[in-house]
Amino acid sequence: MDQDLFGGAPRFLTRPKAFSLSVGRDATLSCTVVGTPVPAVTWEKGKLHICTGGRFKTAEDGDVYRLTIYDLTLDDSGQYMCRAKNTVGEAYAAVTLKVGLPEPGVFTRTCMVTEGKHAKLSCFVTGHPKPQIIWRKDRGNISEGRRHIMYEDQAENFILKILYCKQSDNGLYTCNASNMAGQTYSSYTHSCFAICFKRDF
């Protein structure tokens, strides 16, 4: 691009775009900056200057400047700044990157139970901060009571135990997990169970 057409202090022709990605993915922030003399472009997060190394790579292609972050973690969430400076002036552009936990694939498992016996549903969920669990039957939340026992076992599985099952317990059960990572609230269905009854012969 002809810098003579864009002389003087640095100016952003395109700015980095905010977006959300899951943990483990790669993110590339890019922008187009012009100015005469050609500006020096740097990337920052908070007050920390980002250089190429480890999971971070900065690159330039003409007037296009990029910051790539590999193998994202939750700690990579936050505001990033692209700063352009030359002898005439300075300009900057800020962008927010949100990194969240991936939503696992959800499939339905069938739990066969004899009427009058107990059913045990187990759900394993990880996350930081530790997720909160809500068990649901069809579209309603399940409250702990005389026949519904909820607990976490030594293997960190979340358990819903249904005592003395009866026909009205037939239905679709889901284990819903949610947590707060930074300012991002994540909620997802982790496991589904269909309770069906079998006959004793």
Protein backbone atom coordinates (compact mmCIF):
# COMPACT_ATOMS: atom_id res chain seq x y z
CA MET A 1 0.00 0.00 0.00
CA ASP A 2 1.34 3.48 -0.87
CA GLN A 3 2.30 5.05 2.47
CA ASP A 4 2.32 8.52 0.82
CA LEU A 5 -1.46 8.33 0.70
CA PHE A 6 -1.57 7.75 4.46
CA GLY A 7 1.21 10.01 5.73
CA GLY A 8 1.55 11.27 9.27
CA ALA A 9 0.51 9.72 12.54
CA PRO A 10 -0.47 6.03 12.65
CA ARG A 11 -4.03 5.23 11.68
CA PHE A 12 -6.00 1.99 11.86
CA LEU A 13 -7.71 1.04 8.60
CA THR A 14 -9.04 -2.15 10.17
CA ARG A 15 -9.20 -3.00 13.86
CA PRO A 16 -9.00 -6.36 15.63
CA LYS A 17 -12.38 -8.02 16.05
CA ALA A 18 -13.64 -9.42 19.34
CA PHE A 19 -14.61 -13.07 19.37
CA SER A 20 -15.00 -16.13 21.59
CA LEU A 21 -13.19 -19.46 21.34
CA SER A 22 -12.90 -22.65 23.33
CA VAL A 23 -9.94 -23.80 25.38
CA GLY A 24 -7.33 -25.53 23.21
CA ARG A 25 -8.10 -23.58 20.04
CA ASP A 26 -5.82 -21.00 18.37
CA ALA A 27 -6.73 -17.30 18.12
CA THR A 28 -5.39 -14.72 15.66
CA LEU A 29 -5.95 -11.00 16.21
CA SER A 30 -5.18 -8.84 13.19
CA CYS A 31 -5.35 -5.20 12.13
CA THR A 32 -4.20 -2.91 9.34
CA VAL A 33 -2.15 0.14 10.35
CA VAL A 34 -0.67 2.87 8.15
CA GLY A 35 1.44 5.96 8.76
CA THR A 36 4.60 7.77 7.69
CA PRO A 37 7.18 7.00 8.92
CA VAL A 38 6.13 3.34 9.11
CA PRO A 39 4.91 2.86 12.68
CA ALA A 40 6.30 0.37 15.16
CA VAL A 41 3.44 -1.92 16.19
CA THR A 42 3.31 -3.78 19.50
CA TRP A 43 0.74 -5.96 21.28
CA GLU A 44 -0.15 -5.81 24.97
CA LYS A 45 -2.43 -7.53 27.44
CA GLY A 46 -3.09 -5.49 30.53
CA LYS A 47 0.21 -3.70 31.03
CA LEU A 48 2.32 -6.59 29.75
CA HIS A 49 4.09 -6.38 26.40
CA ILE A 50 3.63 -9.53 24.26
CA CYS A 51 6.60 -10.85 22.30
CA THR A 52 6.99 -13.87 20.04
CA GLY A 53 7.75 -16.94 22.10
CA GLY A 54 6.04 -19.96 23.61
CA ARG A 55 2.34 -19.87 22.69
CA PHE A 56 2.52 -16.34 21.26
CA LYS A 57 3.59 -15.23 17.79
CA THR A 58 3.57 -11.72 16.34
CA ALA A 59 3.88 -11.17 12.60
CA GLU A 60 3.52 -8.46 9.97
CA ASP A 61 2.70 -8.59 6.28
CA GLY A 62 2.93 -5.12 4.78
CA ASP A 63 0.43 -3.00 6.68
CA VAL A 64 -1.26 -6.02 8.31
CA TYR A 65 -0.15 -6.96 11.81
CA ARG A 66 -1.13 -10.16 13.60
CA LEU A 67 -0.94 -11.70 17.05
CA THR A 68 -1.54 -15.46 17.22
CA ILE A 69 -2.11 -17.28 20.51
CA TYR A 70 -1.83 -21.06 20.33
CA ASP A 71 -3.53 -23.63 22.55
CA LEU A 72 -5.78 -21.17 24.37
CA THR A 73 -6.34 -21.37 28.12
CA LEU A 74 -8.96 -19.67 30.30
CA ASP A 75 -6.26 -17.24 31.47
CA ASP A 76 -5.94 -15.91 27.91
CA SER A 77 -9.35 -14.23 28.26
CA GLY A 78 -9.17 -10.47 28.53
CA GLN A 79 -8.52 -7.23 26.70
CA TYR A 80 -5.66 -7.01 24.22
CA MET A 81 -4.26 -3.78 22.80
CA CYS A 82 -2.50 -3.13 19.51
CA ARG A 83 -0.36 -0.01 19.81
CA ALA A 84 1.15 1.78 16.78
CA LYS A 85 3.71 4.56 17.20
CA ASN A 86 5.96 6.67 14.99
CA THR A 87 7.73 10.03 15.30
CA VAL A 88 4.53 11.87 14.37
CA GLY A 89 2.10 10.30 16.79
CA GLU A 90 0.53 7.22 18.32
CA ALA A 91 -2.70 5.24 17.95
CA TYR A 92 -4.10 2.12 19.56
CA ALA A 93 -6.98 -0.32 19.23
CA ALA A 94 -8.36 -2.57 21.97
CA VAL A 95 -10.12 -5.90 21.53
CA THR A 96 -11.63 -8.45 23.92
CA LEU A 97 -10.95 -12.16 23.63
CA LYS A 98 -13.18 -14.60 25.51
CA VAL A 99 -12.02 -18.16 26.12
CA GLY A 100 -14.51 -20.69 27.44
CA LEU A 101 -14.78 -24.37 28.15
CA PRO A 102 -15.81 -26.51 25.19
CA GLU A 103 -19.32 -27.91 25.32
CA PRO A 104 -19.07 -31.67 25.34
CA GLY A 105 -21.13 -33.82 23.04
CA VAL A 106 -24.34 -34.90 24.72
CA PHE A 107 -25.78 -38.33 24.24
CA THR A 108 -28.61 -40.17 25.94
CA ARG A 109 -27.98 -43.26 28.03
CA THR A 110 -30.79 -45.61 28.97
CA CYS A 111 -31.10 -46.70 32.58
CA MET A 112 -33.20 -49.84 33.00
CA VAL A 113 -34.69 -50.18 36.46
CA THR A 114 -37.17 -52.49 38.17
CA GLU A 115 -40.15 -50.82 39.80
CA GLY A 116 -39.56 -50.49 43.52
CA LYS A 117 -35.77 -50.65 43.14
CA HIS A 118 -33.25 -47.80 43.19
CA ALA A 119 -31.76 -45.97 40.18
CA LYS A 120 -28.33 -44.31 40.23
CA LEU A 121 -27.37 -41.71 37.62
CA SER A 122 -23.74 -40.55 37.46
CA CYS A 123 -22.28 -37.44 35.79
CA PHE A 124 -18.57 -36.48 35.65
CA VAL A 125 -17.87 -32.78 35.06
CA THR A 126 -14.62 -30.81 35.25
CA GLY A 127 -14.02 -27.09 35.18
CA HIS A 128 -12.47 -24.13 36.97
CA PRO A 129 -14.08 -22.66 38.95
CA LYS A 130 -15.76 -25.92 39.96
CA PRO A 131 -19.13 -26.17 38.16
CA GLN A 132 -22.45 -26.15 39.94
CA ILE A 133 -24.76 -29.03 39.05
CA ILE A 134 -28.51 -29.01 38.54
CA TRP A 135 -30.39 -32.22 37.84
CA ARG A 136 -33.52 -31.93 35.71
CA LYS A 137 -36.31 -34.32 34.76
CA ASP A 138 -37.89 -33.46 31.43
CA ARG A 139 -38.22 -29.66 31.81
CA GLY A 140 -38.29 -29.33 35.59
CA ASN A 141 -35.55 -29.05 38.19
CA ILE A 142 -35.24 -31.90 40.69
CA SER A 143 -35.12 -31.00 44.37
CA GLU A 144 -33.42 -33.22 46.90
CA GLY A 145 -35.97 -35.04 49.04
CA ARG A 146 -36.97 -38.35 50.54
CA ARG A 147 -36.65 -40.22 47.23
CA HIS A 148 -34.06 -38.03 45.49
CA ILE A 149 -30.53 -38.02 46.91
CA MET A 150 -27.78 -35.89 45.34
CA TYR A 151 -24.11 -36.06 46.22
CA GLU A 152 -20.54 -36.12 44.89
CA ASP A 153 -18.63 -39.36 45.35
CA GLN A 154 -14.92 -39.86 46.05
CA ALA A 155 -14.17 -40.06 42.31
CA GLU A 156 -15.73 -36.58 41.86
CA ASN A 157 -18.78 -37.95 40.04
CA PHE A 158 -22.04 -36.12 40.65
CA ILE A 159 -24.71 -38.64 41.61
CA LEU A 160 -28.49 -38.57 41.51
CA LYS A 161 -30.02 -41.52 43.31
CA ILE A 162 -33.74 -42.20 42.93
CA LEU A 163 -35.14 -44.47 45.63
CA TYR A 164 -37.98 -46.96 45.20
CA CYS A 165 -38.61 -46.10 41.55
CA LYS A 166 -42.18 -45.97 40.30
CA GLN A 167 -43.80 -45.41 36.92
CA SER A 168 -43.95 -41.63 37.41
CA ASP A 169 -40.13 -41.58 37.49
CA ASN A 170 -40.04 -42.60 33.84
CA GLY A 171 -38.61 -39.78 31.69
CA LEU A 172 -35.54 -37.92 30.47
CA TYR A 173 -33.03 -36.78 33.09
CA THR A 174 -30.24 -34.27 32.43
CA CYS A 175 -27.20 -33.16 34.37
CA ASN A 176 -26.69 -29.42 33.79
CA ALA A 177 -23.34 -27.84 34.72
CA SER A 178 -22.54 -24.14 34.97
CA ASN A 179 -19.70 -21.99 36.24
CA MET A 180 -18.34 -18.46 36.11
CA ALA A 181 -14.99 -18.00 34.36
CA GLY A 182 -14.00 -14.35 34.58
CA GLN A 183 -17.09 -12.46 33.44
CA THR A 184 -18.28 -15.31 31.23
CA TYR A 185 -21.10 -17.54 32.50
CA SER A 186 -21.12 -20.96 30.90
CA SER A 187 -24.01 -23.38 31.12
CA TYR A 188 -24.40 -26.65 29.28
CA THR A 189 -26.10 -30.01 29.36
CA HIS A 190 -23.49 -32.61 30.20
CA SER A 191 -25.35 -35.92 30.33
CA CYS A 192 -28.77 -37.29 29.49
CA PHE A 193 -30.43 -40.39 30.89
CA ALA A 194 -33.69 -42.07 29.93
CA ILE A 195 -35.21 -44.17 32.71
CA CYS A 196 -37.20 -47.15 31.50
CA PHE A 197 -38.78 -49.94 33.50
CA LYS A 198 -38.20 -53.64 33.12
CA ARG A 199 -40.19 -56.55 34.43
CA ASP A 200 -38.94 -59.22 36.76
CA PHE A 201 -39.83 -62.72 35.61
